[in-house]
Amino acid sequence: MKPKEAAERIIHGELFILDVRNEVDFADWKIEGKQVESINIPYFDLIDGVETALEEIPQDAKDVLVVCAKEGSSRFVAEQLDEAGLDEVYYLEGGMKAWSEYLHPVKIGDLSDGGSIYQFNRIGKGCLSYLVESNGEAAIIDAARMVEPYISFLEENNLRLTYVMDTHLHADHISGGRKLAEITGGKYYLPPKDAQEVTFTYHPLVEGGTIRIGNTEIAIHPIYSPGHTIGSTSFLLDDQYLLSGDILFVDSIGRPDLAGKAEDWVSDLRYSLYDLYKGLSSDLVVLPAHFGKMNEIEEDGKVSARLGDLFAENEGLQVEDEQDFRKMVTENLPPQPNSYQEIRQTNMGKIVPNEEEQREMEIGPNRCAVHQ
């Protein structure tokens, strides 16, 4: 089963997963979904026979997907289960590494003066990126390292990429923004306060400026919203959408500690959320750069929420006392993302890991939120 089909099953259907990685890897990161049931039996416990797995797999399980790190172990186990008489058993092509890299495109909606916006969901990593298009031109925001899906989308829809932007200097994944700009000739934009140590040239995202796409007056307005990083920048798009980067998520808020500045940036984070965002229209549709839990994905595959609803329901926006807020965002934190320091250095251009090293650096969940 290819990652694309697995994603469709997880979003719109159901799946039973037998994960044959070791227990530590399974506990750290696994495939999840609203209609997904999974068990973990390490591969080495199944080499001499799959009887244990057959006993634990429900008899009414229609589709069983066996997964491992890279594919080989799951393929062996799936073949053994098939030979033992289990119907509808599959292995995940490319394993969890391929799952981590799959991008699932979903149309968010049309824009008022023509054009549309798409969300690319990296389901296995919890990363969200966006493509805005109008009259043959496009902009991509918070691109993932794997640029091929974006390029294919551009070619299939006869779009020319004119702008590539990152809302901040990412620490959980390697940005594909600079690579996309180099391939397509588009302009690469970064918040200057996050780019003080980068080794390459870029265009600064300046608050109050307007980035137009196509001929239909679609405007992307950068809004300086520090807190997750000192340069974090949100985008107000077409007066309909708020691309919030890693400041605000559907079920949580961004963490301020990934550059070692948690205590320094708490007040910035609170200002961006409780003052700056509070002053925006409550009808804006929030489009974050990440999600933490599968229940944040709606039935149509979108990850989004109305800003007014988040101020009423998101726990991170309900803390009135500033000291309680400070404690929440500095003490109540999940483990930091795998290799986050090396990922930051890569995004600055300070180190240039090869393809396999980049894949290894990104393995695991994003962990950019205060609450997971």
Protein backbone atom coordinates (compact mmCIF):
# COMPACT_ATOMS: atom_id res chain seq x y z
CA MET A 1 0.00 0.00 0.00
CA LYS A 2 1.40 3.36 -1.02
CA PRO A 3 1.43 6.21 1.52
CA LYS A 4 -1.17 8.06 -0.56
CA GLU A 5 -3.69 5.23 -0.24
CA ALA A 6 -2.90 4.83 3.44
CA ALA A 7 -3.58 8.53 3.95
CA GLU A 8 -6.94 8.29 2.17
CA ARG A 9 -7.91 5.32 4.35
CA ILE A 10 -6.85 7.10 7.52
CA ILE A 11 -8.69 10.34 6.71
CA HIS A 12 -11.84 8.91 5.14
CA GLY A 13 -12.00 5.26 6.25
CA GLU A 14 -10.50 2.84 8.72
CA LEU A 15 -7.37 0.73 9.01
CA PHE A 16 -5.80 -1.82 11.34
CA ILE A 17 -2.05 -1.46 11.70
CA LEU A 18 0.52 -3.99 12.84
CA ASP A 19 3.68 -2.01 13.62
CA VAL A 20 6.76 -4.26 13.75
CA ARG A 21 9.31 -1.64 14.84
CA ASN A 22 10.83 -1.85 18.30
CA GLU A 23 8.76 -0.73 21.28
CA VAL A 24 10.69 2.51 21.85
CA ASP A 25 10.17 3.75 18.29
CA PHE A 26 6.49 2.80 18.37
CA ALA A 27 5.93 4.66 21.65
CA ASP A 28 7.70 7.76 20.28
CA TRP A 29 5.85 8.01 16.96
CA LYS A 30 3.28 5.93 15.10
CA ILE A 31 0.55 6.18 12.50
CA GLU A 32 -2.66 7.43 14.08
CA GLY A 33 -6.16 8.28 12.94
CA LYS A 34 -9.76 8.55 14.07
CA GLN A 35 -10.58 5.07 12.71
CA VAL A 36 -7.11 3.57 13.15
CA GLU A 37 -6.38 0.73 15.54
CA SER A 38 -2.78 -0.37 15.96
CA ILE A 39 -0.73 -2.94 17.83
CA ASN A 40 3.03 -3.26 18.21
CA ILE A 41 4.83 -6.58 17.90
CA PRO A 42 8.57 -6.19 17.22
CA TYR A 43 9.85 -7.85 14.07
CA PHE A 44 12.30 -10.05 15.96
CA ASP A 45 9.36 -11.64 17.80
CA LEU A 46 7.86 -12.66 14.44
CA ILE A 47 10.87 -14.03 12.57
CA ASP A 48 10.17 -17.61 13.57
CA GLY A 49 6.41 -17.38 13.08
CA VAL A 50 3.48 -15.00 13.00
CA GLU A 51 1.18 -16.92 15.34
CA THR A 52 1.35 -14.15 17.95
CA ALA A 53 0.23 -11.59 15.42
CA LEU A 54 -2.61 -13.76 14.18
CA GLU A 55 -3.87 -14.11 17.74
CA GLU A 56 -3.87 -10.34 18.32
CA ILE A 57 -5.29 -9.20 14.98
CA PRO A 58 -9.10 -9.03 15.26
CA GLN A 59 -10.89 -11.54 13.08
CA ASP A 60 -13.15 -8.81 11.68
CA ALA A 61 -10.23 -6.58 10.63
CA LYS A 62 -10.85 -5.94 6.92
CA ASP A 63 -7.54 -4.35 5.97
CA VAL A 64 -4.34 -5.00 7.88
CA LEU A 65 -1.36 -2.76 7.16
CA VAL A 66 2.05 -3.90 8.38
CA VAL A 67 4.57 -1.11 8.88
CA CYS A 68 8.25 -0.88 9.79
CA ALA A 69 11.00 1.72 9.44
CA LYS A 70 11.95 1.26 5.78
CA GLU A 71 9.75 -1.55 4.29
CA GLY A 72 11.78 -4.77 4.37
CA SER A 73 10.65 -6.16 7.71
CA SER A 74 6.99 -5.31 7.13
CA ARG A 75 7.05 -6.92 3.71
CA PHE A 76 8.41 -10.15 5.20
CA VAL A 77 5.78 -10.19 7.96
CA ALA A 78 2.95 -9.36 5.54
CA GLU A 79 3.99 -12.22 3.27
CA GLN A 80 4.02 -14.61 6.25
CA LEU A 81 0.56 -13.45 7.30
CA ASP A 82 -0.69 -13.91 3.75
CA GLU A 83 0.69 -17.44 3.62
CA ALA A 84 -0.98 -18.16 6.96
CA GLY A 85 -4.35 -17.35 5.38
CA LEU A 86 -4.96 -13.76 6.46
CA ASP A 87 -6.94 -11.92 3.77
CA GLU A 88 -6.43 -8.26 2.79
CA VAL A 89 -3.00 -7.79 4.34
CA TYR A 90 -0.61 -5.13 3.05
CA TYR A 91 2.79 -3.66 3.84
CA LEU A 92 3.50 0.06 3.72
CA GLU A 93 5.65 0.88 0.71
CA GLY A 94 8.77 2.71 1.89
CA GLY A 95 7.91 2.21 5.56
CA MET A 96 7.66 4.99 8.11
CA LYS A 97 10.32 7.00 6.27
CA ALA A 98 8.04 7.24 3.24
CA TRP A 99 5.05 7.93 5.49
CA SER A 100 6.93 10.83 7.06
CA GLU A 101 7.49 12.39 3.64
CA TYR A 102 4.09 12.04 1.98
CA LEU A 103 2.25 15.31 1.25
CA HIS A 104 -1.54 15.17 0.94
CA PRO A 105 -3.01 18.17 -0.96
CA VAL A 106 -6.47 19.50 -0.03
CA LYS A 107 -8.23 22.52 -1.47
CA ILE A 108 -9.12 24.97 1.30
CA GLY A 109 -11.25 27.33 -0.75
CA ASP A 110 -11.58 30.02 -3.40
CA LEU A 111 -10.50 33.62 -2.95
CA SER A 112 -12.76 36.62 -3.36
CA ASP A 113 -11.25 38.03 -6.54
CA GLY A 114 -10.28 34.77 -8.20
CA GLY A 115 -7.70 32.14 -7.36
CA SER A 116 -7.64 29.60 -4.56
CA ILE A 117 -5.62 28.22 -1.66
CA TYR A 118 -4.47 24.64 -1.07
CA GLN A 119 -3.18 22.96 2.06
CA PHE A 120 -0.46 20.31 1.75
CA ASN A 121 -0.72 18.02 4.77
CA ARG A 122 2.41 16.08 5.70
CA ILE A 123 0.31 13.68 7.75
CA GLY A 124 3.16 11.54 9.05
CA LYS A 125 4.95 14.58 10.46
CA GLY A 126 2.07 16.89 11.32
CA CYS A 127 3.42 19.67 9.07
CA LEU A 128 1.15 21.89 6.97
CA SER A 129 2.19 24.04 4.02
CA TYR A 130 0.17 26.17 1.64
CA LEU A 131 -0.04 27.07 -2.04
CA VAL A 132 -1.90 30.19 -3.13
CA GLU A 133 -2.63 30.62 -6.84
CA SER A 134 -4.16 33.19 -9.12
CA ASN A 135 -4.00 33.82 -12.88
CA GLY A 136 -1.12 31.45 -13.50
CA GLU A 137 1.04 32.62 -10.57
CA ALA A 138 1.57 30.95 -7.21
CA ALA A 139 3.14 31.39 -3.79
CA ILE A 140 4.12 28.57 -1.44
CA ILE A 141 4.33 29.08 2.32
CA ASP A 142 6.22 26.87 4.81
CA ALA A 143 7.29 24.32 2.19
CA ALA A 144 8.43 20.87 3.26
CA ARG A 145 11.84 19.49 2.27
CA MET A 146 10.28 17.27 -0.43
CA VAL A 147 9.75 19.77 -3.25
CA GLU A 148 8.64 17.31 -5.96
CA PRO A 149 4.92 17.30 -4.97
CA TYR A 150 4.79 21.10 -5.21
CA ILE A 151 6.58 21.14 -8.56
CA SER A 152 4.24 18.46 -9.92
CA PHE A 153 1.23 20.46 -8.74
CA LEU A 154 2.58 23.62 -10.38
CA GLU A 155 3.19 21.82 -13.67
CA GLU A 156 -0.19 20.06 -13.68
CA ASN A 157 -1.99 23.35 -13.10
CA ASN A 158 0.20 25.51 -15.40
CA LEU A 159 1.36 27.70 -12.52
CA ARG A 160 4.53 29.76 -12.23
CA LEU A 161 5.96 29.98 -8.73
CA THR A 162 6.75 33.62 -8.03
CA TYR A 163 7.11 33.66 -4.23
CA VAL A 164 8.27 31.19 -1.58
CA MET A 165 7.93 32.16 2.08
CA ASP A 166 8.62 30.72 5.52
CA THR A 167 6.68 32.11 8.47
CA HIS A 168 9.75 31.52 10.67
CA LEU A 169 13.03 29.63 10.88
CA HIS A 170 11.81 26.05 11.39
CA ALA A 171 13.29 23.71 13.98
CA ASP A 172 11.20 20.57 13.44
CA HIS A 173 11.66 20.09 9.70
CA ILE A 174 14.00 21.15 6.92
CA SER A 175 12.48 23.88 4.80
CA GLY A 176 12.13 23.31 1.07
CA GLY A 177 11.68 27.03 0.47
CA ARG A 178 15.18 27.90 -0.68
CA LYS A 179 15.38 24.81 -2.91
CA LEU A 180 12.03 25.61 -4.52
CA ALA A 181 13.16 29.16 -5.20
CA GLU A 182 16.40 27.95 -6.78
CA ILE A 183 14.58 25.47 -9.04
CA THR A 184 11.75 27.75 -10.12
CA GLY A 185 13.33 31.20 -9.98
CA GLY A 186 10.82 32.40 -7.41
CA LYS A 187 11.78 34.88 -4.71
CA TYR A 188 12.50 33.40 -1.26
CA TYR A 189 11.27 35.42 1.73
CA LEU A 190 12.24 35.05 5.41
CA PRO A 191 11.55 37.13 8.53
CA PRO A 192 14.77 39.14 8.96
CA LYS A 193 14.83 38.70 12.76
CA ASP A 194 15.02 34.92 12.23
CA ALA A 195 17.58 35.21 9.44
CA GLN A 196 20.42 37.04 11.14
CA GLU A 197 22.69 33.97 10.95
CA VAL A 198 21.71 32.58 7.54
CA THR A 199 24.49 32.11 5.02
CA PHE A 200 22.47 32.88 1.87
CA THR A 201 20.64 35.84 0.37
CA TYR A 202 16.90 36.21 0.89
CA HIS A 203 14.12 38.79 0.64
CA PRO A 204 12.94 40.16 4.01
CA LEU A 205 9.32 39.75 5.09
CA VAL A 206 8.44 43.25 6.21
CA GLU A 207 5.31 43.98 8.22
CA GLY A 208 2.95 46.29 6.43
CA GLY A 209 4.13 45.20 3.01
CA THR A 210 1.89 43.52 0.47
CA ILE A 211 2.74 40.53 -1.69
CA ARG A 212 0.44 40.20 -4.68
CA ILE A 213 -0.12 37.05 -6.70
CA GLY A 214 -1.53 37.15 -10.20
CA ASN A 215 -3.61 40.01 -11.50
CA THR A 216 -6.58 39.67 -9.18
CA GLU A 217 -5.43 41.77 -6.23
CA ILE A 218 -4.88 38.82 -3.93
CA ALA A 219 -2.87 40.33 -1.10
CA ILE A 220 -0.76 38.54 1.48
CA HIS A 221 -0.05 40.88 4.40
CA PRO A 222 2.82 39.84 6.70
CA ILE A 223 2.04 40.42 10.40
CA TYR A 224 4.94 40.36 12.85
CA SER A 225 3.87 37.89 15.56
CA PRO A 226 6.85 36.83 17.70
CA GLY A 227 6.80 34.18 20.39
CA HIS A 228 7.55 30.82 18.81
CA THR A 229 10.64 32.49 17.35
CA ILE A 230 11.68 36.13 17.58
CA GLY A 231 10.86 36.63 13.90
CA SER A 232 7.62 34.62 13.62
CA THR A 233 5.39 36.21 10.99
CA SER A 234 1.74 35.46 10.26
CA PHE A 235 -0.03 36.15 6.98
CA LEU A 236 -3.40 37.76 6.48
CA LEU A 237 -4.62 36.43 3.15
CA ASP A 238 -7.47 37.98 1.19
CA ASP A 239 -9.10 39.17 4.45
CA GLN A 240 -10.36 35.60 4.80
CA TYR A 241 -7.49 33.52 6.13
CA LEU A 242 -4.90 33.85 8.87
CA LEU A 243 -1.82 31.73 8.22
CA SER A 244 -0.60 31.51 11.80
CA GLY A 245 2.65 29.60 11.36
CA ASP A 246 3.64 28.00 14.67
CA ILE A 247 2.04 30.65 16.88
CA LEU A 248 -1.49 29.24 17.00
CA PHE A 249 -2.76 25.73 16.24
CA VAL A 250 -6.26 24.27 16.30
CA ASP A 251 -5.87 22.53 19.67
CA SER A 252 -2.82 24.27 21.12
CA ILE A 253 -0.34 27.14 20.91
CA GLY A 254 3.29 27.34 19.83
CA ARG A 255 6.17 26.64 22.21
CA PRO A 256 8.77 29.38 22.79
CA ASP A 257 11.82 27.28 23.67
CA LEU A 258 13.26 25.85 20.44
CA ALA A 259 15.93 28.54 20.18
CA GLY A 260 16.72 28.38 23.90
CA LYS A 261 14.80 31.60 24.57
CA ALA A 262 11.70 30.36 26.40
CA GLU A 263 11.82 32.82 29.31
CA ASP A 264 12.69 35.72 27.01
CA TRP A 265 9.94 35.05 24.48
CA VAL A 266 6.98 34.27 26.75
CA SER A 267 5.78 37.87 26.80
CA ASP A 268 6.10 38.05 23.00
CA LEU A 269 4.05 34.88 22.63
CA ARG A 270 1.34 36.15 24.95
CA TYR A 271 1.20 39.52 23.16
CA SER A 272 0.88 37.87 19.72
CA LEU A 273 -1.93 35.58 20.89
CA TYR A 274 -3.84 37.67 23.42
CA ASP A 275 -3.44 41.17 21.95
CA LEU A 276 -2.45 41.04 18.29
CA TYR A 277 -4.66 38.12 17.26
CA LYS A 278 -7.48 39.31 19.52
CA GLY A 279 -7.63 42.49 17.46
CA LEU A 280 -8.23 40.59 14.21
CA SER A 281 -11.61 39.59 12.80
CA SER A 282 -13.09 36.61 14.63
CA ASP A 283 -14.34 35.30 11.28
CA LEU A 284 -10.84 34.70 9.91
CA VAL A 285 -10.10 31.05 9.11
CA VAL A 286 -6.91 30.05 10.93
CA LEU A 287 -4.55 27.90 8.87
CA PRO A 288 -1.64 26.72 11.07
CA ALA A 289 1.73 25.32 10.04
CA HIS A 290 1.27 22.17 12.13
CA PHE A 291 -1.22 19.91 13.83
CA GLY A 292 -0.57 17.75 16.88
CA LYS A 293 -3.42 15.24 16.88
CA MET A 294 -5.35 13.49 14.14
CA ASN A 295 -8.66 14.78 15.51
CA GLU A 296 -7.61 18.21 14.24
CA ILE A 297 -8.10 16.92 10.68
CA GLU A 298 -11.69 17.49 9.58
CA GLU A 299 -13.70 14.94 7.64
CA ASP A 300 -12.89 16.68 4.36
CA GLY A 301 -9.16 16.48 5.15
CA LYS A 302 -8.66 20.13 6.11
CA VAL A 303 -6.92 21.42 9.23
CA SER A 304 -8.47 24.79 10.02
CA ALA A 305 -10.65 26.65 12.50
CA ARG A 306 -12.46 29.97 12.85
CA LEU A 307 -10.41 32.40 14.96
CA GLY A 308 -13.40 33.27 17.14
CA ASP A 309 -13.98 29.59 17.90
CA LEU A 310 -10.36 29.18 18.95
CA PHE A 311 -10.65 32.07 21.40
CA ALA A 312 -13.65 30.27 22.88
CA GLU A 313 -12.28 26.71 22.88
CA ASN A 314 -8.48 26.52 22.57
CA GLU A 315 -7.04 25.95 26.06
CA GLY A 316 -3.93 27.96 25.24
CA LEU A 317 -6.08 31.08 24.79
CA GLN A 318 -7.98 30.76 28.09
CA VAL A 319 -5.20 31.59 30.60
CA GLU A 320 -5.95 35.01 32.08
CA ASP A 321 -3.13 35.17 34.63
CA GLU A 322 0.22 36.04 33.06
CA GLN A 323 2.21 33.97 35.56
CA ASP A 324 0.02 30.92 34.92
CA PHE A 325 0.60 31.44 31.20
CA ARG A 326 4.36 31.69 31.72
CA LYS A 327 4.36 28.47 33.71
CA MET A 328 2.26 26.69 31.08
CA VAL A 329 4.52 27.55 28.14
CA THR A 330 7.85 26.97 29.91
CA GLU A 331 7.12 23.89 32.05
CA ASN A 332 4.34 22.01 30.31
CA LEU A 333 6.32 21.06 27.22
CA PRO A 334 6.76 17.80 25.29
CA PRO A 335 10.28 16.61 24.34
CA GLN A 336 11.95 18.83 21.78
CA PRO A 337 11.86 17.69 18.13
CA ASN A 338 14.47 15.17 17.02
CA SER A 339 17.70 16.84 15.84
CA TYR A 340 16.11 20.28 16.16
CA GLN A 341 19.44 22.07 16.56
CA GLU A 342 20.85 20.44 13.42
CA ILE A 343 17.63 21.24 11.56
CA ARG A 344 17.92 24.91 12.53
CA GLN A 345 21.54 24.94 11.34
CA THR A 346 20.49 23.33 8.05
CA ASN A 347 17.77 25.94 7.55
CA MET A 348 20.37 28.64 8.18
CA GLY A 349 22.67 27.12 5.57
CA LYS A 350 25.39 26.47 8.15
CA ILE A 351 25.48 22.72 7.48
CA VAL A 352 24.58 20.78 4.34
CA PRO A 353 23.57 17.20 5.24
CA ASN A 354 23.01 14.70 2.44
CA GLU A 355 19.58 13.34 1.56
CA GLU A 356 19.72 10.33 3.87
CA GLU A 357 21.01 12.43 6.76
CA GLN A 358 18.13 14.87 6.23
CA ARG A 359 15.62 12.02 6.32
CA GLU A 360 17.06 10.71 9.57
CA MET A 361 17.03 14.19 11.12
CA GLU A 362 13.31 14.58 10.44
CA ILE A 363 12.10 11.20 11.73
CA GLY A 364 9.45 11.59 14.42
CA PRO A 365 6.60 13.99 15.24
CA ASN A 366 6.89 17.78 14.99
CA ARG A 367 6.47 18.65 18.71
CA CYS A 368 6.13 22.37 18.07
CA ALA A 369 3.14 22.84 20.39
CA VAL A 370 2.84 23.46 24.12
CA HIS A 371 0.19 20.76 24.42
CA GLN A 372 0.36 17.45 22.58
